[in-house]
Amino acid sequence: MKSPMTKSLFLASGIFCCLLGVEMLVIDSAMLRPFSGTGETRAFTAPEWAPWTLLSVGAVTILHFCTVPGSAASSFDED
């Protein structure tokens, strides 16, 4: 790995995907409004496959985090 932060990025993105998947399982739809505060609100409804896909991708990413070796400085051989 080129950067020690890469491993942390895998963990953070996996946790984010899992949390977003759980949120989509709990909430059926969300009302979105523009940042300006004026304008038309839109309803967002996720497809049925989206929560399970996000949970699966997040779990696999977290497992990948667990299997990626640490930085070279922490894995040197002690004789």
Protein backbone atom coordinates (compact mmCIF):
# COMPACT_ATOMS: atom_id res chain seq x y z
CA MET A 1 0.00 0.00 0.00
CA LYS A 2 1.24 3.46 -0.79
CA SER A 3 -0.47 5.37 1.99
CA PRO A 4 -1.20 4.33 5.59
CA MET A 5 -4.51 6.17 5.32
CA THR A 6 -5.73 3.75 2.64
CA LYS A 7 -6.63 1.14 5.23
CA SER A 8 -8.62 3.70 7.23
CA LEU A 9 -10.39 4.77 4.05
CA PHE A 10 -11.59 1.18 3.52
CA LEU A 11 -12.98 1.04 7.05
CA ALA A 12 -14.69 4.43 6.81
CA SER A 13 -16.32 3.67 3.45
CA GLY A 14 -17.46 0.24 4.68
CA ILE A 15 -19.06 1.69 7.79
CA PHE A 16 -20.70 4.43 5.71
CA CYS A 17 -22.18 1.90 3.27
CA CYS A 18 -23.50 -0.27 6.11
CA LEU A 19 -25.09 2.69 7.90
CA LEU A 20 -26.67 3.97 4.69
CA GLY A 21 -28.03 0.49 3.95
CA VAL A 22 -29.56 0.17 7.42
CA GLU A 23 -31.06 3.64 7.09
CA MET A 24 -32.63 2.70 3.75
CA LEU A 25 -34.12 -0.41 5.34
CA VAL A 26 -35.77 1.63 8.08
CA ILE A 27 -36.95 4.64 6.03
CA ASP A 28 -39.26 4.01 3.06
CA SER A 29 -38.94 7.40 1.40
CA ALA A 30 -37.37 10.80 2.01
CA MET A 31 -38.46 14.28 1.01
CA LEU A 32 -35.66 16.30 -0.60
CA ARG A 33 -35.73 20.07 -0.84
CA PRO A 34 -33.26 22.45 -2.49
CA PHE A 35 -30.50 24.08 -0.44
CA SER A 36 -31.91 27.52 -1.15
CA GLY A 37 -35.04 26.63 0.82
CA THR A 38 -37.33 27.73 -1.96
CA GLY A 39 -38.56 25.48 -4.66
CA GLU A 40 -40.25 22.17 -5.11
CA THR A 41 -39.59 19.24 -2.78
CA ARG A 42 -39.05 15.83 -4.33
CA ALA A 43 -39.72 12.39 -2.89
CA PHE A 44 -36.86 9.90 -3.02
CA THR A 45 -37.71 6.20 -2.81
CA ALA A 46 -34.86 3.70 -3.04
CA PRO A 47 -35.29 0.49 -5.06
CA GLU A 48 -35.78 -2.71 -3.07
CA TRP A 49 -32.32 -4.02 -3.88
CA ALA A 50 -30.42 -0.88 -2.75
CA PRO A 51 -30.35 -1.44 1.06
CA TRP A 52 -29.17 -5.04 0.76
CA THR A 53 -26.56 -4.12 -1.83
CA LEU A 54 -25.17 -1.34 0.37
CA LEU A 55 -25.08 -3.64 3.40
CA SER A 56 -23.26 -6.33 1.39
CA VAL A 57 -20.74 -3.94 -0.11
CA GLY A 58 -20.10 -2.38 3.29
CA ALA A 59 -19.61 -5.75 4.98
CA VAL A 60 -17.19 -6.93 2.28
CA THR A 61 -15.27 -3.66 2.51
CA ILE A 62 -14.97 -3.97 6.30
CA LEU A 63 -13.76 -7.57 5.88
CA HIS A 64 -11.22 -6.29 3.36
CA PHE A 65 -10.05 -3.79 5.98
CA CYS A 66 -9.49 -6.68 8.40
CA THR A 67 -7.40 -8.66 5.92
CA VAL A 68 -5.20 -5.85 4.55
CA PRO A 69 -1.82 -5.91 6.32
CA GLY A 70 -0.81 -2.92 8.41
CA SER A 71 1.85 -0.42 7.51
CA ALA A 72 5.42 -1.58 6.92
CA ALA A 73 6.64 0.15 10.07
CA SER A 74 4.40 -1.94 12.32
CA SER A 75 5.08 -5.28 10.65
CA PHE A 76 8.88 -5.51 10.78
CA ASP A 77 10.55 -8.70 12.00
CA GLU A 78 12.04 -8.66 15.45
CA ASP A 79 15.00 -10.98 15.92
